[in-house]
Amino acid sequence: MAKTLLTTVFFLCVAASSYASPSLRIDKPQHDFGTVTQEDKVEHFFEIENAGDSDLVIEKLVPS
């Protein structure tokens, strides 16, 4: 009984570790523009990388 239980747990752990998942990586996730007036136009580009092993889908972005 114990051997069957250990075998089942082993295979569940192997299956869970082999599950593919995306992983979002942003080197610098924050940017400070400093003092900006209404007349100023500012922009910043964030480098986003999928460090996982399956497709990463970004469905919604919300500014802070």
N, C-alpha and C. Protein backbone atom coordinates (compact mmCIF):
# COMPACT_ATOMS: atom_id res chain seq x y z
N MET A 1 0.82 -1.19 0.00
CA MET A 1 0.00 0.00 0.00
C MET A 1 0.86 1.26 0.00
N ALA A 2 1.88 1.26 0.86
CA ALA A 2 2.76 2.44 0.95
C ALA A 2 3.53 2.63 -0.35
N LYS A 3 3.93 1.54 -0.98
CA LYS A 3 4.68 1.63 -2.24
C LYS A 3 3.79 2.22 -3.34
N THR A 4 2.53 1.84 -3.39
CA THR A 4 1.60 2.38 -4.37
C THR A 4 1.36 3.86 -4.14
N LEU A 5 1.24 4.25 -2.89
CA LEU A 5 1.03 5.65 -2.55
C LEU A 5 2.24 6.49 -2.94
N LEU A 6 3.44 6.00 -2.64
CA LEU A 6 4.66 6.73 -3.00
C LEU A 6 4.81 6.85 -4.51
N THR A 7 4.47 5.79 -5.23
CA THR A 7 4.55 5.83 -6.70
C THR A 7 3.57 6.85 -7.26
N THR A 8 2.37 6.89 -6.72
CA THR A 8 1.36 7.85 -7.18
C THR A 8 1.81 9.28 -6.91
N VAL A 9 2.34 9.53 -5.72
CA VAL A 9 2.83 10.87 -5.38
C VAL A 9 3.98 11.26 -6.29
N PHE A 10 4.87 10.34 -6.58
CA PHE A 10 6.00 10.62 -7.47
C PHE A 10 5.51 11.05 -8.85
N PHE A 11 4.58 10.29 -9.43
CA PHE A 11 4.09 10.63 -10.76
C PHE A 11 3.30 11.93 -10.77
N LEU A 12 2.60 12.25 -9.71
CA LEU A 12 1.91 13.53 -9.62
C LEU A 12 2.90 14.69 -9.57
N CYS A 13 3.99 14.52 -8.85
CA CYS A 13 5.02 15.56 -8.78
C CYS A 13 5.70 15.77 -10.12
N VAL A 14 6.00 14.67 -10.81
CA VAL A 14 6.62 14.77 -12.14
C VAL A 14 5.68 15.46 -13.11
N ALA A 15 4.41 15.10 -13.08
CA ALA A 15 3.44 15.71 -13.98
C ALA A 15 3.29 17.20 -13.69
N ALA A 16 3.27 17.59 -12.45
CA ALA A 16 3.12 19.00 -12.08
C ALA A 16 4.34 19.81 -12.49
N SER A 17 5.51 19.25 -12.38
CA SER A 17 6.73 19.99 -12.72
C SER A 17 6.92 20.12 -14.22
N SER A 18 6.30 19.26 -15.00
CA SER A 18 6.46 19.32 -16.45
C SER A 18 5.37 20.14 -17.12
N TYR A 19 4.44 20.71 -16.35
CA TYR A 19 3.36 21.51 -16.89
C TYR A 19 3.92 22.82 -17.43
N ALA A 20 3.64 23.12 -18.68
CA ALA A 20 4.14 24.34 -19.31
C ALA A 20 3.35 25.53 -18.82
N SER A 21 4.06 26.64 -18.56
CA SER A 21 3.37 27.85 -18.13
C SER A 21 4.17 29.08 -18.56
N PRO A 22 3.47 30.17 -18.87
CA PRO A 22 4.17 31.42 -19.20
C PRO A 22 4.70 32.08 -17.94
N SER A 23 5.69 32.93 -18.13
CA SER A 23 6.25 33.67 -17.00
C SER A 23 6.67 35.05 -17.51
N LEU A 24 6.02 36.08 -17.03
CA LEU A 24 6.30 37.45 -17.45
C LEU A 24 7.51 37.98 -16.71
N ARG A 25 8.46 38.55 -17.47
CA ARG A 25 9.65 39.14 -16.85
C ARG A 25 9.81 40.58 -17.39
N ILE A 26 9.90 41.53 -16.46
CA ILE A 26 10.16 42.93 -16.80
C ILE A 26 11.36 43.35 -15.97
N ASP A 27 12.47 43.71 -16.65
CA ASP A 27 13.69 44.07 -15.92
C ASP A 27 13.49 45.27 -15.01
N LYS A 28 12.88 46.33 -15.51
CA LYS A 28 12.63 47.53 -14.71
C LYS A 28 11.13 47.83 -14.76
N PRO A 29 10.35 47.30 -13.81
CA PRO A 29 8.89 47.42 -13.89
C PRO A 29 8.34 48.80 -13.52
N GLN A 30 9.18 49.71 -13.04
CA GLN A 30 8.70 51.05 -12.69
C GLN A 30 9.59 52.09 -13.36
N HIS A 31 8.98 53.24 -13.66
CA HIS A 31 9.73 54.35 -14.25
C HIS A 31 9.20 55.65 -13.66
N ASP A 32 10.09 56.52 -13.24
CA ASP A 32 9.72 57.81 -12.66
C ASP A 32 10.05 58.90 -13.66
N PHE A 33 9.04 59.61 -14.13
CA PHE A 33 9.25 60.70 -15.07
C PHE A 33 9.70 61.98 -14.38
N GLY A 34 9.63 62.01 -13.08
CA GLY A 34 9.98 63.23 -12.37
C GLY A 34 8.83 64.22 -12.47
N THR A 35 9.16 65.51 -12.48
CA THR A 35 8.14 66.55 -12.58
C THR A 35 7.78 66.77 -14.04
N VAL A 36 6.50 66.67 -14.36
CA VAL A 36 6.02 66.82 -15.73
C VAL A 36 4.89 67.82 -15.73
N THR A 37 4.93 68.76 -16.67
CA THR A 37 3.84 69.73 -16.80
C THR A 37 2.84 69.21 -17.84
N GLN A 38 1.68 69.87 -17.92
CA GLN A 38 0.66 69.44 -18.86
C GLN A 38 1.12 69.57 -20.31
N GLU A 39 2.00 70.51 -20.58
CA GLU A 39 2.45 70.73 -21.95
C GLU A 39 3.47 69.68 -22.40
N ASP A 40 4.12 69.03 -21.45
CA ASP A 40 5.15 68.04 -21.79
C ASP A 40 4.53 66.76 -22.32
N LYS A 41 5.19 66.18 -23.30
CA LYS A 41 4.80 64.87 -23.80
C LYS A 41 5.91 63.91 -23.38
N VAL A 42 5.54 62.91 -22.64
CA VAL A 42 6.54 61.94 -22.17
C VAL A 42 6.11 60.54 -22.56
N GLU A 43 7.06 59.68 -22.76
CA GLU A 43 6.77 58.28 -23.03
C GLU A 43 7.94 57.42 -22.54
N HIS A 44 7.63 56.19 -22.28
CA HIS A 44 8.64 55.24 -21.83
C HIS A 44 8.25 53.86 -22.33
N PHE A 45 9.20 53.09 -22.76
CA PHE A 45 8.95 51.75 -23.25
C PHE A 45 9.48 50.73 -22.25
N PHE A 46 8.64 49.79 -21.89
CA PHE A 46 9.04 48.71 -21.01
C PHE A 46 9.36 47.48 -21.85
N GLU A 47 10.48 46.85 -21.57
CA GLU A 47 10.82 45.61 -22.26
C GLU A 47 10.19 44.45 -21.49
N ILE A 48 9.30 43.75 -22.16
CA ILE A 48 8.59 42.63 -21.56
C ILE A 48 9.06 41.35 -22.25
N GLU A 49 9.36 40.34 -21.44
CA GLU A 49 9.85 39.08 -21.99
C GLU A 49 9.05 37.92 -21.40
N ASN A 50 8.76 36.95 -22.23
CA ASN A 50 8.14 35.72 -21.76
C ASN A 50 9.27 34.75 -21.41
N ALA A 51 9.51 34.57 -20.12
CA ALA A 51 10.57 33.68 -19.67
C ALA A 51 10.07 32.26 -19.45
N GLY A 52 8.79 32.00 -19.74
CA GLY A 52 8.22 30.69 -19.55
C GLY A 52 8.35 29.83 -20.79
N ASP A 53 7.67 28.71 -20.77
CA ASP A 53 7.78 27.77 -21.88
C ASP A 53 6.44 27.52 -22.59
N SER A 54 5.54 28.50 -22.50
CA SER A 54 4.31 28.47 -23.29
C SER A 54 3.93 29.91 -23.63
N ASP A 55 2.93 30.07 -24.49
CA ASP A 55 2.55 31.40 -24.95
C ASP A 55 2.06 32.27 -23.80
N LEU A 56 2.50 33.53 -23.83
CA LEU A 56 2.06 34.52 -22.85
C LEU A 56 1.06 35.44 -23.53
N VAL A 57 -0.14 35.53 -22.98
CA VAL A 57 -1.19 36.37 -23.56
C VAL A 57 -1.50 37.48 -22.56
N ILE A 58 -1.31 38.74 -22.99
CA ILE A 58 -1.64 39.89 -22.15
C ILE A 58 -3.01 40.37 -22.61
N GLU A 59 -3.99 40.25 -21.74
CA GLU A 59 -5.36 40.58 -22.12
C GLU A 59 -5.77 41.98 -21.72
N LYS A 60 -5.13 42.57 -20.69
CA LYS A 60 -5.55 43.88 -20.23
C LYS A 60 -4.39 44.57 -19.53
N LEU A 61 -4.23 45.86 -19.78
CA LEU A 61 -3.24 46.67 -19.09
C LEU A 61 -3.97 47.78 -18.36
N VAL A 62 -3.56 48.04 -17.13
CA VAL A 62 -4.18 49.09 -16.34
C VAL A 62 -3.08 50.00 -15.79
N PRO A 63 -3.09 51.29 -16.14
CA PRO A 63 -2.10 52.20 -15.60
C PRO A 63 -2.34 52.45 -14.12
N SER A 64 -1.28 52.73 -13.41
CA SER A 64 -1.45 52.99 -11.98
C SER A 64 -1.79 54.44 -11.71
